[in-house]
Amino acid sequence: MKPVAIDALYAAFTPAVGDAPPDMRRELGHFDVFTVGGPQSGAPHRPPRHFNRQAFYKISLTHGSGRLEFADQSQEAGPYFLFLATPSLRYRWTPTEATQTGCFCIFTDEFLPPARGGVLVEELPLFRPGAHPIITLTEAEYRAVEAILRKMTQEIASTYAYKYDLLRTYLVELIHLVQKLQPAPGPALVPAPARLATQFAELLEQQFPIDAPAGPLRLRTARDYAEVLAVHVVHLNRVLKEATGHTTTTLISNRLAHEARVRLKQSAQNVSEIADYLGFADVAHFCTFFKRHTGLTPGDFRQ
């Protein structure tokens, strides 16, 4: 199933500030806030929507009732609840009452730079494969989450030069609040596929230290990672596809593109040095790769 792209979301919903952020294109990753409000005429009687998954993370706060179907489960939700969607979650939401109000934020993993010495977005407990996507809230908890989303809405409309840094801070605050609201999980053994996916994510992140090494990346292909992890490349690809919704090659390419954006924005390295560090044969190949991922040349992105 092809995930719903960000552009399709903007065609269906209007952002809280009335338009997609015009300055978001040059930022690392994507972030926005949306509001949902008012009666949905005939909502309980509409035909069920199709199952879908989205190419981004979503934290949705809702006052209303409905039924969420995901994996092989179905859960009634309401009147106050949070819904957490990841790029790998296939789900269907069916309202069971006409009025649905609330708000939600979306973001890509690139918007939150990988934590140095910490965890990646997909390793956070609330976004791990198998995590429960619905959190029932009290009215007081609903208001606490709503307050953070309101701060996001106000900030994204501001002209503050460092507003996206502040929005990242608000997003981290929201994630920690949501994690605190989750029931404490009991001890459990981590399945072997989940361990392998985590080991791959850690190994991938280790290729990108804060200080760039003297030479190019040691691991560059899916086969390189499979050899270090002592598994067959087909098995690694199958595990990662199941856990993240992406192939090994796509995960590596996305991380390379992220590192390229970071170094173009935050380092004094020239384009040739960045291309060499990331293991590209020449600058032309790097520029083609970068434009395919961002829509901009490295020089345009850096300006």
Protein backbone atom coordinates (compact mmCIF):
# COMPACT_ATOMS: atom_id res chain seq x y z
CA MET A 1 0.00 0.00 0.00
CA LYS A 2 1.38 3.38 -1.06
CA PRO A 3 1.44 5.82 1.90
CA VAL A 4 -0.55 9.05 1.79
CA ALA A 5 1.86 11.84 0.86
CA ILE A 6 2.06 15.20 2.62
CA ASP A 7 0.64 16.99 -0.44
CA ALA A 8 -2.49 14.83 -0.26
CA LEU A 9 -2.99 15.83 3.36
CA TYR A 10 -2.99 19.52 2.42
CA ALA A 11 -5.61 18.76 -0.21
CA ALA A 12 -7.88 17.28 2.48
CA PHE A 13 -7.18 19.55 5.47
CA THR A 14 -6.43 23.24 5.95
CA PRO A 15 -3.48 24.03 8.28
CA ALA A 16 -4.23 25.92 11.48
CA VAL A 17 -2.61 29.06 10.05
CA GLY A 18 -4.55 28.77 6.79
CA ASP A 19 -1.79 27.68 4.42
CA ALA A 20 1.26 25.43 4.21
CA PRO A 21 4.29 27.16 5.75
CA PRO A 22 5.98 28.95 2.80
CA ASP A 23 9.39 28.80 4.47
CA MET A 24 9.17 25.09 5.30
CA ARG A 25 10.77 24.00 2.01
CA ARG A 26 14.25 25.00 3.10
CA GLU A 27 13.94 23.46 6.56
CA LEU A 28 15.14 20.01 7.55
CA GLY A 29 12.11 17.75 7.31
CA HIS A 30 8.49 18.89 7.53
CA PHE A 31 6.19 20.04 10.32
CA ASP A 32 2.71 21.60 10.50
CA VAL A 33 -0.37 21.90 12.72
CA PHE A 34 -3.99 21.41 11.68
CA THR A 35 -7.33 22.00 13.40
CA VAL A 36 -10.41 19.83 13.08
CA GLY A 37 -13.79 21.22 14.07
CA GLY A 38 -17.50 21.32 13.45
CA PRO A 39 -20.10 18.73 12.62
CA GLN A 40 -19.41 16.12 9.96
CA SER A 41 -22.76 15.74 8.28
CA GLY A 42 -23.95 12.16 8.39
CA ALA A 43 -20.59 10.97 9.72
CA PRO A 44 -21.93 7.88 11.54
CA HIS A 45 -23.78 6.81 8.39
CA ARG A 46 -21.01 7.29 5.85
CA PRO A 47 -19.48 4.23 4.15
CA PRO A 48 -16.31 3.08 5.96
CA ARG A 49 -13.16 4.78 4.74
CA HIS A 50 -10.38 2.77 3.17
CA PHE A 51 -7.42 1.61 5.19
CA ASN A 52 -4.40 3.83 4.64
CA ARG A 53 -1.02 4.74 6.02
CA GLN A 54 0.79 8.05 5.83
CA ALA A 55 4.32 9.08 4.88
CA PHE A 56 4.81 11.01 8.13
CA TYR A 57 4.23 10.88 11.88
CA LYS A 58 0.98 12.25 13.28
CA ILE A 59 -0.12 13.14 16.82
CA SER A 60 -3.86 13.76 16.77
CA LEU A 61 -5.92 15.13 19.67
CA THR A 62 -9.67 14.54 19.36
CA HIS A 63 -12.85 15.34 21.27
CA GLY A 64 -15.44 13.01 19.82
CA SER A 65 -16.10 9.32 19.36
CA GLY A 66 -15.24 6.77 16.73
CA ARG A 67 -13.74 3.39 15.97
CA LEU A 68 -10.12 2.77 15.00
CA GLU A 69 -9.17 -0.39 13.13
CA PHE A 70 -5.50 -1.31 12.87
CA ALA A 71 -3.56 -4.53 12.35
CA ASP A 72 -6.03 -7.19 13.50
CA GLN A 73 -7.59 -5.00 16.21
CA SER A 74 -10.52 -2.63 16.56
CA GLN A 75 -11.01 -0.11 19.37
CA GLU A 76 -13.74 2.36 20.28
CA ALA A 77 -12.29 5.74 21.24
CA GLY A 78 -13.70 8.85 22.91
CA PRO A 79 -14.75 11.26 24.16
CA TYR A 80 -11.14 12.50 24.75
CA PHE A 81 -8.22 10.67 23.21
CA LEU A 82 -4.89 10.83 21.37
CA PHE A 83 -4.15 8.95 18.19
CA LEU A 84 -0.51 8.28 17.24
CA ALA A 85 0.22 7.33 13.63
CA THR A 86 3.57 6.27 12.19
CA PRO A 87 4.56 5.77 8.53
CA SER A 88 4.23 2.00 9.04
CA LEU A 89 0.76 1.98 10.68
CA ARG A 90 -2.07 0.88 8.40
CA TYR A 91 -5.39 1.98 9.88
CA ARG A 92 -8.97 3.09 9.30
CA TRP A 93 -10.86 5.66 11.39
CA THR A 94 -14.68 5.69 11.40
CA PRO A 95 -16.48 8.48 13.34
CA THR A 96 -19.47 7.29 15.35
CA GLU A 97 -20.82 10.76 16.13
CA ALA A 98 -21.28 13.77 13.90
CA THR A 99 -19.16 16.28 15.79
CA GLN A 100 -15.39 15.79 15.88
CA THR A 101 -13.18 18.59 17.20
CA GLY A 102 -9.50 18.84 18.00
CA CYS A 103 -6.18 19.38 16.32
CA PHE A 104 -3.16 17.44 15.17
CA CYS A 105 0.45 17.95 14.19
CA ILE A 106 2.44 16.11 11.55
CA PHE A 107 6.20 15.77 11.19
CA THR A 108 8.78 13.69 9.41
CA ASP A 109 11.63 11.97 11.21
CA GLU A 110 14.01 14.41 9.54
CA PHE A 111 12.36 17.33 11.37
CA LEU A 112 13.71 15.89 14.63
CA PRO A 113 17.44 15.34 14.01
CA PRO A 114 18.65 11.96 15.28
CA ALA A 115 19.53 12.32 18.94
CA ARG A 116 23.27 12.09 19.50
CA GLY A 117 23.80 9.34 22.01
CA GLY A 118 20.03 8.93 22.34
CA VAL A 119 17.31 7.35 20.23
CA LEU A 120 15.77 7.86 16.83
CA VAL A 121 12.12 8.88 16.45
CA GLU A 122 11.07 5.35 15.53
CA GLU A 123 12.81 4.05 18.68
CA LEU A 124 10.72 6.18 21.03
CA PRO A 125 8.30 3.92 22.96
CA LEU A 126 5.16 5.58 21.58
CA PHE A 127 6.32 5.12 17.96
CA ARG A 128 7.86 1.66 18.14
CA PRO A 129 6.35 -1.08 15.98
CA GLY A 130 3.52 -2.71 17.94
CA ALA A 131 2.92 0.31 20.19
CA HIS A 132 -0.77 0.98 20.90
CA PRO A 133 -1.91 3.98 18.82
CA ILE A 134 -4.82 5.13 21.03
CA ILE A 135 -4.42 6.84 24.42
CA THR A 136 -7.61 7.65 26.32
CA LEU A 137 -7.46 10.98 28.16
CA THR A 138 -9.24 12.74 30.98
CA GLU A 139 -10.54 16.21 30.22
CA ALA A 140 -7.63 17.71 32.20
CA GLU A 141 -5.10 15.68 30.17
CA TYR A 142 -6.84 16.75 26.97
CA ARG A 143 -6.43 20.41 27.95
CA ALA A 144 -2.75 19.91 28.77
CA VAL A 145 -2.02 18.42 25.34
CA GLU A 146 -4.19 21.07 23.69
CA ALA A 147 -2.13 23.82 25.33
CA ILE A 148 1.07 22.60 23.66
CA LEU A 149 -0.62 22.30 20.27
CA ARG A 150 -1.94 25.85 20.67
CA LYS A 151 1.60 27.07 21.30
CA MET A 152 2.66 25.33 18.11
CA THR A 153 -0.17 27.00 16.18
CA GLN A 154 0.80 30.45 17.43
CA GLU A 155 4.50 29.95 16.74
CA ILE A 156 4.17 28.54 13.23
CA ALA A 157 2.36 31.75 12.23
CA SER A 158 5.08 33.96 13.71
CA THR A 159 7.94 35.69 11.91
CA TYR A 160 10.50 34.70 14.53
CA ALA A 161 13.74 33.75 12.73
CA TYR A 162 14.28 30.63 14.84
CA LYS A 163 10.67 29.52 15.07
CA TYR A 164 11.37 26.02 13.75
CA ASP A 165 13.96 25.45 16.46
CA LEU A 166 11.30 26.49 18.97
CA LEU A 167 8.72 24.25 17.29
CA ARG A 168 11.12 21.31 17.62
CA THR A 169 11.29 22.09 21.34
CA TYR A 170 7.49 22.14 21.57
CA LEU A 171 7.32 18.85 19.67
CA VAL A 172 9.78 17.20 22.06
CA GLU A 173 7.72 18.58 24.98
CA LEU A 174 4.58 17.09 23.45
CA ILE A 175 6.22 13.71 22.85
CA HIS A 176 7.40 13.52 26.46
CA LEU A 177 3.96 14.48 27.77
CA VAL A 178 2.33 11.80 25.60
CA GLN A 179 4.83 9.19 26.79
CA LYS A 180 4.04 10.10 30.40
CA LEU A 181 0.34 9.58 29.67
CA GLN A 182 0.92 6.06 28.39
CA PRO A 183 0.42 3.16 30.82
CA ALA A 184 3.75 1.83 32.04
CA PRO A 185 4.55 -1.31 30.01
CA GLY A 186 5.39 -4.51 31.78
CA PRO A 187 8.69 -6.30 31.17
CA ALA A 188 8.74 -8.12 27.87
CA LEU A 189 11.24 -9.89 25.67
CA VAL A 190 12.12 -8.02 22.49
CA PRO A 191 11.46 -10.22 19.43
CA ALA A 192 14.48 -11.01 17.26
CA PRO A 193 13.22 -8.97 14.26
CA ALA A 194 12.75 -5.90 16.47
CA ARG A 195 16.28 -6.35 17.86
CA LEU A 196 17.67 -6.55 14.34
CA ALA A 197 15.80 -3.39 13.29
CA THR A 198 17.15 -1.56 16.34
CA GLN A 199 20.70 -2.80 15.69
CA PHE A 200 20.47 -1.58 12.10
CA ALA A 201 19.21 1.87 13.21
CA GLU A 202 22.06 2.16 15.72
CA LEU A 203 24.66 1.02 13.18
CA LEU A 204 23.30 3.46 10.59
CA GLU A 205 23.51 6.34 13.06
CA GLN A 206 27.06 5.43 14.05
CA GLN A 207 28.19 6.21 10.50
CA PHE A 208 27.45 9.88 11.10
CA PRO A 209 29.44 11.17 14.12
CA ILE A 210 29.23 14.83 15.08
CA ASP A 211 32.74 15.42 13.71
CA ALA A 212 33.10 14.15 10.15
CA PRO A 213 35.76 11.42 9.79
CA ALA A 214 38.71 11.93 7.49
CA GLY A 215 37.51 9.44 4.88
CA PRO A 216 34.20 8.47 3.28
CA LEU A 217 31.54 6.38 5.00
CA ARG A 218 32.58 2.85 5.89
CA LEU A 219 29.14 1.35 5.19
CA ARG A 220 27.27 2.50 2.10
CA THR A 221 25.02 -0.30 0.80
CA ALA A 222 22.41 -2.71 2.15
CA ARG A 223 24.90 -5.54 1.66
CA ASP A 224 27.52 -3.70 3.75
CA TYR A 225 25.09 -3.46 6.69
CA ALA A 226 23.94 -7.07 6.31
CA GLU A 227 27.54 -8.31 6.49
CA VAL A 228 28.26 -6.36 9.68
CA LEU A 229 25.00 -7.57 11.26
CA ALA A 230 25.78 -11.14 10.14
CA VAL A 231 22.46 -11.67 8.35
CA HIS A 232 21.47 -12.21 4.74
CA VAL A 233 20.68 -8.99 2.91
CA VAL A 234 17.24 -10.32 1.90
CA HIS A 235 16.38 -11.11 5.53
CA LEU A 236 17.51 -7.66 6.67
CA ASN A 237 15.41 -6.00 3.99
CA ARG A 238 12.33 -8.05 4.93
CA VAL A 239 12.67 -7.22 8.65
CA LEU A 240 13.16 -3.48 8.03
CA LYS A 241 10.29 -3.35 5.54
CA GLU A 242 7.98 -4.93 8.12
CA ALA A 243 9.21 -2.71 10.98
CA THR A 244 9.44 0.65 9.20
CA GLY A 245 7.61 0.37 5.89
CA HIS A 246 10.87 1.12 4.04
CA THR A 247 13.53 -1.00 2.36
CA THR A 248 17.11 -1.07 3.61
CA THR A 249 18.27 0.98 0.64
CA THR A 250 15.56 3.60 1.20
CA LEU A 251 16.47 3.96 4.88
CA ILE A 252 20.14 4.40 3.98
CA SER A 253 19.32 6.92 1.24
CA ASN A 254 17.01 8.91 3.52
CA ARG A 255 19.72 9.09 6.18
CA LEU A 256 22.31 10.15 3.59
CA ALA A 257 19.97 12.90 2.36
CA HIS A 258 19.38 14.04 5.93
CA GLU A 259 23.11 14.18 6.66
CA ALA A 260 23.69 16.10 3.43
CA ARG A 261 21.10 18.71 4.46
CA VAL A 262 22.58 18.99 7.94
CA ARG A 263 26.12 19.50 6.63
CA LEU A 264 25.01 22.00 3.98
CA LYS A 265 23.21 24.01 6.66
CA GLN A 266 25.54 23.60 9.61
CA SER A 267 29.10 22.99 8.34
CA ALA A 268 31.70 24.89 6.34
CA GLN A 269 32.38 21.89 4.08
CA ASN A 270 32.00 22.61 0.38
CA VAL A 271 29.74 20.50 -1.83
CA SER A 272 32.66 18.43 -3.13
CA GLU A 273 33.82 17.57 0.41
CA ILE A 274 30.31 16.57 1.48
CA ALA A 275 29.90 14.40 -1.64
CA ASP A 276 33.21 12.66 -0.91
CA TYR A 277 32.37 12.12 2.77
CA LEU A 278 29.00 10.57 1.88
CA GLY A 279 30.65 8.16 -0.55
CA PHE A 280 29.55 9.54 -3.89
CA ALA A 281 31.81 8.92 -6.88
CA ASP A 282 31.66 12.56 -7.95
CA VAL A 283 29.83 15.83 -7.32
CA ALA A 284 27.46 15.30 -10.24
CA HIS A 285 26.10 12.06 -8.76
CA PHE A 286 25.70 13.74 -5.38
CA CYS A 287 23.83 16.72 -6.88
CA THR A 288 21.47 14.40 -8.76
CA PHE A 289 20.81 12.39 -5.58
CA PHE A 290 20.25 15.53 -3.50
CA LYS A 291 17.86 17.13 -5.98
CA ARG A 292 15.85 13.91 -6.23
CA HIS A 293 15.34 13.95 -2.45
CA THR A 294 14.78 17.68 -1.89
CA GLY A 295 13.81 19.28 -5.19
CA LEU A 296 16.76 21.69 -4.82
CA THR A 297 20.41 21.65 -5.83
CA PRO A 298 22.91 21.65 -2.92
CA GLY A 299 23.84 25.24 -3.76
CA ASP A 300 20.22 26.44 -3.77
CA PHE A 301 19.51 24.63 -0.51
CA ARG A 302 22.52 26.20 1.18
CA GLN A 303 21.55 29.77 0.29
